Amino acid sequence: MGKKLKINNSLLTLKKIEKFIIPFNPPVFTFERSIRNTPFRILISVLLSSRTKDTVTKDASKKLFSIADTPEKMFRTGEQKIKELIYPVGFYKRKAKNIYEICKKLIQIKKVPDNFIELTNLPGVGRKTANLVLALAFNKPSIAVDTHVFRISKRLGWANGEKPEIVEKELKKMFPEIFWNKINQTLVGFGQTVCKPQNPSCNICILEKECPYYTLKRINKI
C-alpha cells in the first residue's frame, strides 16, 4: 500500500471512530469539557488524570478548584490540604507534592508555559501530560500517547513502536498536523467504550474490515 493511500485510509478510519463513539458518550468527553477553562485548570486536571479514571479525576478537580482556582490560592492551601482534596486519585500523595511545587514555580514565572520544554520542566509533568496541555490549553498540534492511544494505534497497524514516544513519532508521520489534536480524544474515547484492553467489543465495532487485530482474532478462531 502506498504511503499516501495508507494516510488517506487512516484519516477515514479516524473520522469513522470519531463519529461512531459519539452515542457512547465516553468519559473523556465529559472530562475534557469540564476542564476547558483556564490553562492552569487544564494543567492541574491533566496531571491528576494520570493513572486515574476520568470520573474520579473530574470529582477531585472539582473539589480542589472549589477551594483554590489559581496558583497563588493553591500554594497557600498547602500540600497536606491538596492531598486531602484530591484523594482518591492515583498516586495522590506524589501528585499533591508536585502540584504544590508547580504552583510555587508558576507564581514565579506568572503563567502556564505554552511550550513543551518548559512544561516538562515542571514537577511531575511528562511527555504525555505536556502534549495534552499544549493541545487542550493552547490548541497547539500535539499527540498525547496514553495507554489507549498506544494500544489502539498498534491494533490498527498505525504504529509498531514499543515505547510511547516512538508511537507518537509514527503517528505524526501518519497524520497531517491539522488532525493531531483529534487523535488522543478519539482513541481514548474508543478505548474507554469499545476497543478495551481486555475483551474488546469487536462484535459491535464498525472497523472489522480494516482492523488487523480483528482479522487476526477471527483467523485464530477458525
N, C-alpha and C. Protein backbone atom coordinates (compact mmCIF):
# COMPACT_ATOMS: atom_id res chain seq x y z
N MET A 1 0.84 -1.19 0.00
CA MET A 1 0.00 0.00 0.00
C MET A 1 0.88 1.24 0.00
N GLY A 2 0.61 2.19 -0.92
CA GLY A 2 1.39 3.40 -0.99
C GLY A 2 1.20 4.25 0.25
N LYS A 3 2.21 5.09 0.54
CA LYS A 3 2.16 5.91 1.75
C LYS A 3 0.95 6.84 1.76
N LYS A 4 0.69 7.50 0.60
CA LYS A 4 -0.43 8.44 0.52
C LYS A 4 -1.76 7.73 0.74
N LEU A 5 -1.92 6.54 0.15
CA LEU A 5 -3.15 5.78 0.31
C LEU A 5 -3.33 5.34 1.76
N LYS A 6 -2.23 4.92 2.38
CA LYS A 6 -2.28 4.48 3.78
C LYS A 6 -2.71 5.64 4.68
N ILE A 7 -2.18 6.83 4.43
CA ILE A 7 -2.54 8.01 5.22
C ILE A 7 -4.03 8.33 5.04
N ASN A 8 -4.48 8.30 3.77
CA ASN A 8 -5.89 8.59 3.50
C ASN A 8 -6.82 7.59 4.18
N ASN A 9 -6.43 6.30 4.15
CA ASN A 9 -7.23 5.27 4.82
C ASN A 9 -7.27 5.48 6.33
N SER A 10 -6.13 5.87 6.89
CA SER A 10 -6.05 6.12 8.34
C SER A 10 -6.92 7.30 8.74
N LEU A 11 -6.92 8.34 7.91
CA LEU A 11 -7.77 9.50 8.19
C LEU A 11 -9.25 9.13 8.16
N LEU A 12 -9.62 8.33 7.19
CA LEU A 12 -11.01 7.88 7.09
C LEU A 12 -11.40 7.05 8.32
N THR A 13 -10.47 6.19 8.75
CA THR A 13 -10.73 5.36 9.94
C THR A 13 -10.88 6.22 11.18
N LEU A 14 -10.01 7.22 11.33
CA LEU A 14 -10.09 8.12 12.49
C LEU A 14 -11.43 8.84 12.51
N LYS A 15 -11.87 9.32 11.36
CA LYS A 15 -13.16 10.02 11.28
C LYS A 15 -14.33 9.08 11.58
N LYS A 16 -14.22 7.83 11.12
CA LYS A 16 -15.27 6.84 11.41
C LYS A 16 -15.36 6.58 12.91
N ILE A 17 -14.20 6.43 13.55
CA ILE A 17 -14.18 6.20 15.00
C ILE A 17 -14.80 7.39 15.73
N GLU A 18 -14.38 8.58 15.34
CA GLU A 18 -14.87 9.81 15.98
C GLU A 18 -16.40 9.89 15.94
N LYS A 19 -16.97 9.58 14.81
CA LYS A 19 -18.43 9.62 14.65
C LYS A 19 -19.10 8.46 15.38
N PHE A 20 -18.47 7.29 15.32
CA PHE A 20 -19.04 6.07 15.90
C PHE A 20 -19.21 6.16 17.41
N ILE A 21 -18.25 6.78 18.12
CA ILE A 21 -18.27 6.76 19.58
C ILE A 21 -19.15 7.84 20.21
N ILE A 22 -19.62 8.79 19.41
CA ILE A 22 -20.43 9.88 19.97
C ILE A 22 -21.61 9.38 20.81
N PRO A 23 -22.42 8.41 20.33
CA PRO A 23 -23.56 7.93 21.14
C PRO A 23 -23.15 7.27 22.45
N PHE A 24 -21.91 6.78 22.53
CA PHE A 24 -21.45 6.13 23.76
C PHE A 24 -21.09 7.15 24.85
N ASN A 25 -20.92 8.41 24.45
CA ASN A 25 -20.54 9.48 25.38
C ASN A 25 -19.40 9.05 26.31
N PRO A 26 -18.22 8.79 25.77
CA PRO A 26 -17.10 8.32 26.59
C PRO A 26 -16.77 9.30 27.73
N PRO A 27 -16.29 8.81 28.86
CA PRO A 27 -15.93 9.68 29.98
C PRO A 27 -14.96 10.79 29.60
N VAL A 28 -14.07 10.54 28.63
CA VAL A 28 -13.10 11.56 28.24
C VAL A 28 -13.78 12.80 27.68
N PHE A 29 -14.94 12.63 27.04
CA PHE A 29 -15.67 13.80 26.51
C PHE A 29 -16.09 14.72 27.64
N THR A 30 -16.73 14.14 28.66
CA THR A 30 -17.19 14.93 29.80
C THR A 30 -16.03 15.56 30.54
N PHE A 31 -14.97 14.77 30.72
CA PHE A 31 -13.79 15.25 31.43
C PHE A 31 -13.18 16.46 30.74
N GLU A 32 -12.96 16.38 29.44
CA GLU A 32 -12.33 17.48 28.73
C GLU A 32 -13.22 18.72 28.69
N ARG A 33 -14.53 18.52 28.59
CA ARG A 33 -15.43 19.67 28.64
C ARG A 33 -15.36 20.36 30.00
N SER A 34 -15.21 19.56 31.04
CA SER A 34 -15.22 20.11 32.40
C SER A 34 -13.96 20.89 32.74
N ILE A 35 -12.85 20.61 32.05
CA ILE A 35 -11.59 21.29 32.41
C ILE A 35 -11.23 22.41 31.44
N ARG A 36 -11.97 22.56 30.35
CA ARG A 36 -11.63 23.60 29.37
C ARG A 36 -12.04 24.97 29.92
N ASN A 37 -11.20 25.49 30.79
CA ASN A 37 -11.47 26.77 31.43
C ASN A 37 -10.26 27.68 31.30
N THR A 38 -9.26 27.43 32.11
CA THR A 38 -8.01 28.19 32.03
C THR A 38 -6.85 27.21 31.85
N PRO A 39 -5.73 27.66 31.30
CA PRO A 39 -4.56 26.78 31.17
C PRO A 39 -4.14 26.16 32.50
N PHE A 40 -4.30 26.91 33.60
CA PHE A 40 -3.93 26.38 34.91
C PHE A 40 -4.82 25.21 35.30
N ARG A 41 -6.13 25.36 35.14
CA ARG A 41 -7.06 24.27 35.47
C ARG A 41 -6.79 23.04 34.60
N ILE A 42 -6.51 23.29 33.33
CA ILE A 42 -6.23 22.17 32.42
C ILE A 42 -4.97 21.45 32.85
N LEU A 43 -3.92 22.19 33.16
CA LEU A 43 -2.65 21.58 33.59
C LEU A 43 -2.85 20.71 34.83
N ILE A 44 -3.49 21.25 35.84
CA ILE A 44 -3.66 20.51 37.10
C ILE A 44 -4.58 19.30 36.89
N SER A 45 -5.65 19.47 36.13
CA SER A 45 -6.59 18.36 35.89
C SER A 45 -5.93 17.23 35.11
N VAL A 46 -5.15 17.58 34.11
CA VAL A 46 -4.44 16.56 33.31
C VAL A 46 -3.42 15.84 34.18
N LEU A 47 -2.75 16.58 35.05
CA LEU A 47 -1.79 15.97 35.97
C LEU A 47 -2.49 14.97 36.89
N LEU A 48 -3.66 15.33 37.38
CA LEU A 48 -4.43 14.44 38.26
C LEU A 48 -4.92 13.20 37.52
N SER A 49 -5.15 13.33 36.21
CA SER A 49 -5.79 12.25 35.45
C SER A 49 -4.88 11.06 35.19
N SER A 50 -3.58 11.24 35.38
CA SER A 50 -2.65 10.13 35.11
C SER A 50 -2.97 8.92 35.98
N ARG A 51 -3.17 7.76 35.33
CA ARG A 51 -3.48 6.50 36.01
C ARG A 51 -4.70 6.61 36.92
N THR A 52 -5.67 7.40 36.48
CA THR A 52 -6.89 7.59 37.24
C THR A 52 -8.07 7.68 36.28
N LYS A 53 -9.20 7.10 36.64
CA LYS A 53 -10.38 7.17 35.79
C LYS A 53 -10.83 8.63 35.67
N ASP A 54 -11.34 8.98 34.50
CA ASP A 54 -11.75 10.36 34.25
C ASP A 54 -12.83 10.83 35.21
N THR A 55 -13.75 9.94 35.59
CA THR A 55 -14.81 10.32 36.52
C THR A 55 -14.24 10.69 37.89
N VAL A 56 -13.22 9.95 38.33
CA VAL A 56 -12.57 10.23 39.61
C VAL A 56 -11.80 11.55 39.52
N THR A 57 -11.10 11.74 38.40
CA THR A 57 -10.34 12.97 38.20
C THR A 57 -11.26 14.18 38.19
N LYS A 58 -12.38 14.05 37.51
CA LYS A 58 -13.34 15.16 37.43
C LYS A 58 -13.81 15.59 38.81
N ASP A 59 -14.16 14.62 39.66
CA ASP A 59 -14.63 14.92 41.02
C ASP A 59 -13.52 15.55 41.86
N ALA A 60 -12.32 15.00 41.74
CA ALA A 60 -11.18 15.53 42.51
C ALA A 60 -10.85 16.95 42.08
N SER A 61 -10.87 17.20 40.78
CA SER A 61 -10.59 18.54 40.26
C SER A 61 -11.63 19.54 40.77
N LYS A 62 -12.88 19.11 40.76
CA LYS A 62 -13.96 19.99 41.21
C LYS A 62 -13.77 20.39 42.67
N LYS A 63 -13.43 19.40 43.52
CA LYS A 63 -13.20 19.69 44.94
C LYS A 63 -12.01 20.63 45.13
N LEU A 64 -10.93 20.35 44.39
CA LEU A 64 -9.72 21.16 44.54
C LEU A 64 -9.95 22.60 44.09
N PHE A 65 -10.57 22.77 42.92
CA PHE A 65 -10.77 24.11 42.39
C PHE A 65 -11.84 24.90 43.13
N SER A 66 -12.70 24.21 43.87
CA SER A 66 -13.70 24.93 44.68
C SER A 66 -13.03 25.65 45.84
N ILE A 67 -11.87 25.15 46.23
CA ILE A 67 -11.10 25.76 47.33
C ILE A 67 -10.04 26.72 46.79
N ALA A 68 -9.39 26.30 45.69
CA ALA A 68 -8.29 27.10 45.14
C ALA A 68 -8.26 26.96 43.63
N ASP A 69 -8.49 28.08 42.92
CA ASP A 69 -8.54 28.01 41.46
C ASP A 69 -7.45 28.82 40.77
N THR A 70 -6.45 29.23 41.55
CA THR A 70 -5.28 29.92 40.98
C THR A 70 -4.03 29.36 41.63
N PRO A 71 -2.85 29.53 41.00
CA PRO A 71 -1.61 29.03 41.62
C PRO A 71 -1.38 29.62 43.01
N GLU A 72 -1.71 30.91 43.17
CA GLU A 72 -1.49 31.58 44.45
C GLU A 72 -2.36 30.96 45.55
N LYS A 73 -3.64 30.77 45.26
CA LYS A 73 -4.55 30.19 46.25
C LYS A 73 -4.17 28.75 46.57
N MET A 74 -3.78 28.02 45.54
CA MET A 74 -3.46 26.61 45.74
C MET A 74 -2.17 26.46 46.55
N PHE A 75 -1.22 27.33 46.30
CA PHE A 75 0.03 27.30 47.06
C PHE A 75 -0.23 27.59 48.53
N ARG A 76 -1.11 28.59 48.79
CA ARG A 76 -1.45 28.94 50.18
C ARG A 76 -2.25 27.82 50.85
N THR A 77 -2.98 27.03 50.07
CA THR A 77 -3.75 25.91 50.62
C THR A 77 -2.85 24.89 51.28
N GLY A 78 -1.68 24.69 50.68
CA GLY A 78 -0.68 23.80 51.27
C GLY A 78 -0.78 22.36 50.76
N GLU A 79 0.34 21.67 50.81
CA GLU A 79 0.44 20.32 50.27
C GLU A 79 -0.49 19.33 50.96
N GLN A 80 -0.59 19.42 52.29
CA GLN A 80 -1.42 18.48 53.04
C GLN A 80 -2.89 18.59 52.65
N LYS A 81 -3.38 19.82 52.55
CA LYS A 81 -4.78 20.04 52.19
C LYS A 81 -5.05 19.61 50.75
N ILE A 82 -4.10 19.88 49.86
CA ILE A 82 -4.23 19.44 48.47
C ILE A 82 -4.37 17.92 48.43
N LYS A 83 -3.55 17.26 49.23
CA LYS A 83 -3.58 15.79 49.31
C LYS A 83 -4.96 15.30 49.71
N GLU A 84 -5.55 15.93 50.71
CA GLU A 84 -6.88 15.54 51.18
C GLU A 84 -7.95 15.78 50.12
N LEU A 85 -7.83 16.88 49.39
CA LEU A 85 -8.84 17.26 48.40
C LEU A 85 -8.82 16.37 47.16
N ILE A 86 -7.65 15.89 46.78
CA ILE A 86 -7.56 15.11 45.53
C ILE A 86 -7.71 13.61 45.74
N TYR A 87 -7.68 13.15 46.98
CA TYR A 87 -7.92 11.73 47.24
C TYR A 87 -9.28 11.33 46.70
N PRO A 88 -9.44 10.18 45.98
CA PRO A 88 -8.53 9.05 45.87
C PRO A 88 -7.88 8.90 44.48
N VAL A 89 -7.45 9.97 43.85
CA VAL A 89 -6.78 9.80 42.56
C VAL A 89 -5.51 8.97 42.74
N GLY A 90 -5.08 8.32 41.68
CA GLY A 90 -3.88 7.50 41.77
C GLY A 90 -2.66 8.31 42.14
N PHE A 91 -1.83 7.76 43.05
CA PHE A 91 -0.59 8.41 43.48
C PHE A 91 -0.86 9.82 44.02
N TYR A 92 -1.93 9.97 44.80
CA TYR A 92 -2.35 11.29 45.25
C TYR A 92 -1.31 12.02 46.11
N LYS A 93 -0.53 11.27 46.88
CA LYS A 93 0.49 11.91 47.72
C LYS A 93 1.57 12.57 46.87
N ARG A 94 2.05 11.82 45.87
CA ARG A 94 3.08 12.36 44.98
C ARG A 94 2.52 13.52 44.15
N LYS A 95 1.28 13.36 43.69
CA LYS A 95 0.67 14.42 42.88
C LYS A 95 0.47 15.69 43.70
N ALA A 96 0.08 15.55 44.96
CA ALA A 96 -0.10 16.73 45.82
C ALA A 96 1.20 17.50 45.97
N LYS A 97 2.28 16.77 46.15
CA LYS A 97 3.60 17.40 46.27
C LYS A 97 3.97 18.11 44.97
N ASN A 98 3.74 17.44 43.83
CA ASN A 98 4.07 18.04 42.53
C ASN A 98 3.21 19.28 42.27
N ILE A 99 1.93 19.21 42.60
CA ILE A 99 1.04 20.37 42.39
C ILE A 99 1.49 21.56 43.22
N TYR A 100 1.86 21.30 44.46
CA TYR A 100 2.34 22.36 45.34
C TYR A 100 3.59 23.02 44.75
N GLU A 101 4.52 22.19 44.28
CA GLU A 101 5.76 22.72 43.71
C GLU A 101 5.51 23.43 42.37
N ILE A 102 4.57 22.92 41.59
CA ILE A 102 4.20 23.56 40.33
C ILE A 102 3.64 24.96 40.59
N CYS A 103 2.76 25.05 41.58
CA CYS A 103 2.16 26.35 41.90
C CYS A 103 3.23 27.35 42.34
N LYS A 104 4.18 26.88 43.11
CA LYS A 104 5.28 27.73 43.55
C LYS A 104 6.04 28.29 42.35
N LYS A 105 6.28 27.43 41.36
CA LYS A 105 7.02 27.85 40.17
C LYS A 105 6.18 28.77 39.29
N LEU A 106 4.89 28.46 39.16
CA LEU A 106 4.01 29.29 38.33
C LEU A 106 3.86 30.70 38.89
N ILE A 107 3.87 30.81 40.19
CA ILE A 107 3.82 32.13 40.84
C ILE A 107 5.04 32.95 40.43
N GLN A 108 6.17 32.28 40.31
CA GLN A 108 7.41 32.97 39.94
C GLN A 108 7.41 33.40 38.48
N ILE A 109 6.97 32.50 37.58
CA ILE A 109 7.04 32.81 36.14
C ILE A 109 5.76 33.48 35.63
N LYS A 110 4.72 33.50 36.48
CA LYS A 110 3.48 34.25 36.22
C LYS A 110 2.63 33.74 35.05
N LYS A 111 2.83 32.52 34.63
CA LYS A 111 1.98 31.95 33.57
C LYS A 111 2.22 30.45 33.46
N VAL A 112 1.27 29.76 32.84
CA VAL A 112 1.46 28.35 32.50
C VAL A 112 2.25 28.32 31.19
N PRO A 113 3.38 27.64 31.15
CA PRO A 113 4.18 27.59 29.92
C PRO A 113 3.39 27.05 28.74
N ASP A 114 3.65 27.59 27.56
CA ASP A 114 2.95 27.14 26.37
C ASP A 114 3.87 26.45 25.38
N ASN A 115 4.97 25.89 25.92
CA ASN A 115 5.87 25.11 25.06
C ASN A 115 6.30 23.84 25.79
N PHE A 116 6.66 22.85 25.00
CA PHE A 116 6.93 21.50 25.52
C PHE A 116 8.08 21.48 26.54
N ILE A 117 9.17 22.14 26.25
CA ILE A 117 10.34 22.08 27.12
C ILE A 117 10.04 22.66 28.50
N GLU A 118 9.43 23.82 28.53
CA GLU A 118 9.12 24.44 29.83
C GLU A 118 8.08 23.64 30.60
N LEU A 119 7.12 23.08 29.90
CA LEU A 119 6.11 22.27 30.59
C LEU A 119 6.74 21.03 31.23
N THR A 120 7.61 20.36 30.49
CA THR A 120 8.23 19.13 31.03
C THR A 120 9.28 19.44 32.10
N ASN A 121 9.60 20.70 32.29
CA ASN A 121 10.49 21.09 33.39
C ASN A 121 9.72 21.26 34.70
N LEU A 122 8.38 21.26 34.60
CA LEU A 122 7.57 21.35 35.82
C LEU A 122 7.53 20.00 36.52
N PRO A 123 7.49 19.97 37.85
CA PRO A 123 7.48 18.70 38.60
C PRO A 123 6.32 17.80 38.20
N GLY A 124 6.62 16.55 37.86
CA GLY A 124 5.59 15.56 37.57
C GLY A 124 4.98 15.65 36.18
N VAL A 125 5.43 16.59 35.36
CA VAL A 125 4.88 16.75 34.01
C VAL A 125 5.76 16.01 33.01
N GLY A 126 5.24 14.92 32.48
CA GLY A 126 5.96 14.14 31.48
C GLY A 126 5.50 14.47 30.07
N ARG A 127 5.94 13.67 29.16
CA ARG A 127 5.66 13.91 27.74
C ARG A 127 4.16 13.90 27.43
N LYS A 128 3.45 12.90 27.93
CA LYS A 128 2.02 12.79 27.65
C LYS A 128 1.26 13.99 28.20
N THR A 129 1.52 14.34 29.45
CA THR A 129 0.84 15.46 30.08
C THR A 129 1.12 16.76 29.35
N ALA A 130 2.38 17.00 29.00
CA ALA A 130 2.75 18.23 28.29
C ALA A 130 2.03 18.32 26.96
N ASN A 131 1.99 17.23 26.21
CA ASN A 131 1.32 17.25 24.91
C ASN A 131 -0.18 17.50 25.03
N LEU A 132 -0.78 16.92 26.06
CA LEU A 132 -2.22 17.11 26.26
C LEU A 132 -2.52 18.56 26.65
N VAL A 133 -1.69 19.14 27.49
CA VAL A 133 -1.87 20.54 27.88
C VAL A 133 -1.70 21.46 26.68
N LEU A 134 -0.70 21.20 25.85
CA LEU A 134 -0.49 22.01 24.64
C LEU A 134 -1.73 21.97 23.74
N ALA A 135 -2.31 20.78 23.61
CA ALA A 135 -3.48 20.62 22.74
C ALA A 135 -4.72 21.27 23.34
N LEU A 136 -5.00 20.99 24.61
CA LEU A 136 -6.24 21.44 25.23
C LEU A 136 -6.21 22.91 25.67
N ALA A 137 -5.07 23.35 26.17
CA ALA A 137 -4.99 24.71 26.71
C ALA A 137 -4.58 25.75 25.67
N PHE A 138 -3.77 25.33 24.70
CA PHE A 138 -3.22 26.30 23.75
C PHE A 138 -3.52 25.97 22.29
N ASN A 139 -4.27 24.88 22.07
CA ASN A 139 -4.64 24.46 20.72
C ASN A 139 -3.42 24.32 19.81
N LYS A 140 -2.32 23.82 20.37
CA LYS A 140 -1.12 23.58 19.58
C LYS A 140 -1.10 22.12 19.13
N PRO A 141 -0.77 21.85 17.88
CA PRO A 141 -0.78 20.47 17.37
C PRO A 141 0.12 19.55 18.20
N SER A 142 -0.49 18.58 18.85
CA SER A 142 0.26 17.66 19.71
C SER A 142 -0.47 16.32 19.75
N ILE A 143 0.29 15.26 20.00
CA ILE A 143 -0.31 13.93 20.16
C ILE A 143 0.12 13.36 21.50
N ALA A 144 -0.83 13.24 22.41
CA ALA A 144 -0.56 12.66 23.72
C ALA A 144 -0.82 11.16 23.65
N VAL A 145 0.23 10.38 23.84
CA VAL A 145 0.10 8.92 23.74
C VAL A 145 -0.04 8.32 25.14
N ASP A 146 -1.29 7.99 25.49
CA ASP A 146 -1.53 7.28 26.75
C ASP A 146 -1.73 5.80 26.44
N THR A 147 -2.21 5.02 27.39
CA THR A 147 -2.34 3.57 27.17
C THR A 147 -3.35 3.25 26.06
N HIS A 148 -4.43 4.03 25.98
CA HIS A 148 -5.44 3.79 24.94
C HIS A 148 -4.86 4.08 23.54
N VAL A 149 -4.22 5.22 23.40
CA VAL A 149 -3.65 5.61 22.11
C VAL A 149 -2.58 4.61 21.69
N PHE A 150 -1.76 4.20 22.64
CA PHE A 150 -0.69 3.24 22.38
C PHE A 150 -1.26 1.91 21.89
N ARG A 151 -2.24 1.40 22.63
CA ARG A 151 -2.82 0.08 22.32
C ARG A 151 -3.57 0.09 20.98
N ILE A 152 -4.41 1.07 20.78
CA ILE A 152 -5.26 1.09 19.59
C ILE A 152 -4.46 1.40 18.33
N SER A 153 -3.46 2.26 18.44
CA SER A 153 -2.60 2.56 17.29
C SER A 153 -1.91 1.30 16.78
N LYS A 154 -1.53 0.45 17.71
CA LYS A 154 -0.87 -0.80 17.33
C LYS A 154 -1.88 -1.82 16.81
N ARG A 155 -3.06 -1.87 17.40
CA ARG A 155 -4.09 -2.79 16.92
C ARG A 155 -4.50 -2.46 15.48
N LEU A 156 -4.54 -1.16 15.17
CA LEU A 156 -4.96 -0.73 13.84
C LEU A 156 -3.82 -0.73 12.81
N GLY A 157 -2.62 -1.05 13.28
CA GLY A 157 -1.48 -1.08 12.37
C GLY A 157 -0.94 0.30 12.02
N TRP A 158 -1.27 1.29 12.84
CA TRP A 158 -0.76 2.65 12.61
C TRP A 158 0.64 2.84 13.16
N ALA A 159 1.02 2.00 14.10
CA ALA A 159 2.32 2.14 14.74
C ALA A 159 2.85 0.77 15.16
N ASN A 160 4.17 0.68 15.28
CA ASN A 160 4.81 -0.57 15.70
C ASN A 160 5.72 -0.38 16.91
N GLY A 161 5.95 0.86 17.30
CA GLY A 161 6.89 1.15 18.37
C GLY A 161 6.53 0.52 19.69
N GLU A 162 7.55 0.24 20.50
CA GLU A 162 7.34 -0.38 21.81
C GLU A 162 7.38 0.64 22.94
N LYS A 163 7.57 1.91 22.59
CA LYS A 163 7.56 2.98 23.59
C LYS A 163 6.63 4.10 23.12
N PRO A 164 5.96 4.79 24.06
CA PRO A 164 5.02 5.85 23.68
C PRO A 164 5.63 6.92 22.79
N GLU A 165 6.87 7.31 23.07
CA GLU A 165 7.49 8.37 22.28
C GLU A 165 7.73 7.95 20.83
N ILE A 166 7.96 6.63 20.63
CA ILE A 166 8.13 6.12 19.26
C ILE A 166 6.79 6.10 18.54
N VAL A 167 5.74 5.66 19.25
CA VAL A 167 4.40 5.64 18.68
C VAL A 167 3.97 7.07 18.32
N GLU A 168 4.31 8.02 19.18
CA GLU A 168 4.00 9.43 18.90
C GLU A 168 4.62 9.88 17.58
N LYS A 169 5.89 9.54 17.38
CA LYS A 169 6.58 9.91 16.13
C LYS A 169 5.93 9.24 14.92
N GLU A 170 5.55 7.97 15.08
CA GLU A 170 4.92 7.24 13.98
C GLU A 170 3.57 7.87 13.60
N LEU A 171 2.81 8.25 14.60
CA LEU A 171 1.51 8.87 14.35
C LEU A 171 1.66 10.24 13.69
N LYS A 172 2.71 10.96 14.08
CA LYS A 172 2.95 12.28 13.47
C LYS A 172 3.31 12.16 12.00
N LYS A 173 3.94 11.06 11.66
CA LYS A 173 4.25 10.81 10.24
C LYS A 173 3.00 10.35 9.48
N MET A 174 2.14 9.65 10.18
CA MET A 174 0.95 9.07 9.57
C MET A 174 -0.12 10.12 9.28
N PHE A 175 -0.31 11.07 10.23
CA PHE A 175 -1.41 12.02 10.12
C PHE A 175 -0.92 13.45 9.87
N PRO A 176 -1.61 14.20 9.03
CA PRO A 176 -1.30 15.62 8.86
C PRO A 176 -1.45 16.36 10.18
N GLU A 177 -0.67 17.38 10.39
CA GLU A 177 -0.63 18.11 11.66
C GLU A 177 -2.01 18.60 12.11
N ILE A 178 -2.85 18.96 11.17
CA ILE A 178 -4.17 19.50 11.49
C ILE A 178 -5.06 18.50 12.24
N PHE A 179 -4.71 17.20 12.15
CA PHE A 179 -5.51 16.17 12.82
C PHE A 179 -4.90 15.70 14.14
N TRP A 180 -3.71 16.16 14.48
CA TRP A 180 -3.03 15.65 15.67
C TRP A 180 -3.86 15.78 16.94
N ASN A 181 -4.52 16.93 17.11
CA ASN A 181 -5.26 17.16 18.35
C ASN A 181 -6.52 16.31 18.49
N LYS A 182 -6.95 15.68 17.40
CA LYS A 182 -8.13 14.82 17.45
C LYS A 182 -7.80 13.40 17.92
N ILE A 183 -6.54 13.02 17.75
CA ILE A 183 -6.16 11.62 17.95
C ILE A 183 -6.36 11.15 19.39
N ASN A 184 -5.90 11.94 20.36
CA ASN A 184 -6.00 11.48 21.75
C ASN A 184 -7.44 11.31 22.19
N GLN A 185 -8.25 12.35 22.03
CA GLN A 185 -9.64 12.26 22.49
C GLN A 185 -10.39 11.13 21.79
N THR A 186 -10.18 11.00 20.48
CA THR A 186 -10.90 9.99 19.71
C THR A 186 -10.51 8.58 20.12
N LEU A 187 -9.22 8.32 20.23
CA LEU A 187 -8.78 6.96 20.57
C LEU A 187 -9.01 6.63 22.04
N VAL A 188 -8.89 7.64 22.91
CA VAL A 188 -9.20 7.40 24.32
C VAL A 188 -10.68 7.06 24.47
N GLY A 189 -11.54 7.83 23.81
CA GLY A 189 -12.98 7.55 23.87
C GLY A 189 -13.30 6.18 23.32
N PHE A 190 -12.65 5.80 22.23
CA PHE A 190 -12.83 4.49 21.62
C PHE A 190 -12.36 3.39 22.57
N GLY A 191 -11.23 3.62 23.23
CA GLY A 191 -10.68 2.64 24.16
C GLY A 191 -11.48 2.49 25.43
N GLN A 192 -12.13 3.56 25.86
CA GLN A 192 -12.95 3.51 27.08
C GLN A 192 -14.26 2.77 26.87
N THR A 193 -14.75 2.76 25.63
CA THR A 193 -16.09 2.24 25.38
C THR A 193 -16.16 0.96 24.56
N VAL A 194 -15.28 0.83 23.58
CA VAL A 194 -15.37 -0.30 22.65
C VAL A 194 -14.08 -1.10 22.56
N CYS A 195 -12.98 -0.44 22.19
CA CYS A 195 -11.71 -1.14 21.98
C CYS A 195 -10.92 -1.22 23.29
N LYS A 196 -11.51 -1.92 24.26
CA LYS A 196 -10.95 -2.00 25.61
C LYS A 196 -9.71 -2.90 25.65
N PRO A 197 -8.89 -2.75 26.70
CA PRO A 197 -7.67 -3.57 26.81
C PRO A 197 -7.98 -5.07 26.82
N GLN A 198 -8.96 -5.45 27.63
CA GLN A 198 -9.38 -6.85 27.72
C GLN A 198 -10.81 -6.99 27.17
N ASN A 199 -11.03 -8.05 26.42
CA ASN A 199 -12.36 -8.32 25.85
C ASN A 199 -12.96 -7.12 25.11
N PRO A 200 -12.25 -6.61 24.10
CA PRO A 200 -12.81 -5.50 23.31
C PRO A 200 -14.11 -5.93 22.62
N SER A 201 -15.01 -4.98 22.44
CA SER A 201 -16.33 -5.29 21.86
C SER A 201 -16.27 -5.30 20.33
N CYS A 202 -15.52 -6.24 19.79
CA CYS A 202 -15.36 -6.34 18.33
C CYS A 202 -16.69 -6.64 17.64
N ASN A 203 -17.62 -7.26 18.37
CA ASN A 203 -18.90 -7.64 17.77
C ASN A 203 -19.77 -6.44 17.40
N ILE A 204 -19.51 -5.27 18.01
CA ILE A 204 -20.30 -4.09 17.68
C ILE A 204 -19.47 -3.03 16.94
N CYS A 205 -18.20 -3.31 16.74
CA CYS A 205 -17.29 -2.33 16.16
C CYS A 205 -17.51 -2.20 14.65
N ILE A 206 -17.35 -0.99 14.15
CA ILE A 206 -17.54 -0.73 12.71
C ILE A 206 -16.26 -0.92 11.90
N LEU A 207 -15.17 -1.32 12.57
CA LEU A 207 -13.89 -1.40 11.89
C LEU A 207 -13.46 -2.82 11.51
N GLU A 208 -14.39 -3.76 11.50
CA GLU A 208 -14.00 -5.14 11.26
C GLU A 208 -13.27 -5.34 9.93
N LYS A 209 -13.60 -4.52 8.92
CA LYS A 209 -12.99 -4.69 7.60
C LYS A 209 -11.57 -4.14 7.52
N GLU A 210 -11.26 -3.11 8.33
CA GLU A 210 -9.94 -2.50 8.23
C GLU A 210 -9.04 -2.72 9.45
N CYS A 211 -9.51 -3.48 10.43
CA CYS A 211 -8.74 -3.68 11.66
C CYS A 211 -7.92 -4.96 11.62
N PRO A 212 -6.59 -4.87 11.59
CA PRO A 212 -5.73 -6.05 11.58
C PRO A 212 -5.92 -6.92 12.83
N TYR A 213 -6.18 -6.28 13.96
CA TYR A 213 -6.38 -7.00 15.22
C TYR A 213 -7.61 -7.89 15.11
N TYR A 214 -8.69 -7.34 14.57
CA TYR A 214 -9.94 -8.10 14.42
C TYR A 214 -9.74 -9.26 13.43
N THR A 215 -9.03 -8.98 12.34
CA THR A 215 -8.77 -10.02 11.33
C THR A 215 -7.99 -11.17 11.94
N LEU A 216 -6.95 -10.85 12.70
CA LEU A 216 -6.12 -11.88 13.33
C LEU A 216 -6.93 -12.65 14.37
N LYS A 217 -7.74 -11.95 15.12
CA LYS A 217 -8.58 -12.57 16.14
C LYS A 217 -9.56 -13.56 15.49
N ARG A 218 -10.13 -13.18 14.34
CA ARG A 218 -11.08 -14.03 13.64
C ARG A 218 -10.39 -15.27 13.05
N ILE A 219 -9.20 -15.07 12.49
CA ILE A 219 -8.43 -16.18 11.91
C ILE A 219 -8.08 -17.21 12.98
N ASN A 220 -7.68 -16.72 14.14
CA ASN A 220 -7.27 -17.62 15.24
C ASN A 220 -8.43 -18.43 15.79
N LYS A 221 -9.66 -17.97 15.52
CA LYS A 221 -10.85 -18.70 15.98
C LYS A 221 -11.25 -19.81 15.01
N ILE A 222 -10.78 -19.67 13.77
CA ILE A 222 -11.15 -20.66 12.75
C ILE A 222 -10.46 -22.01 13.01
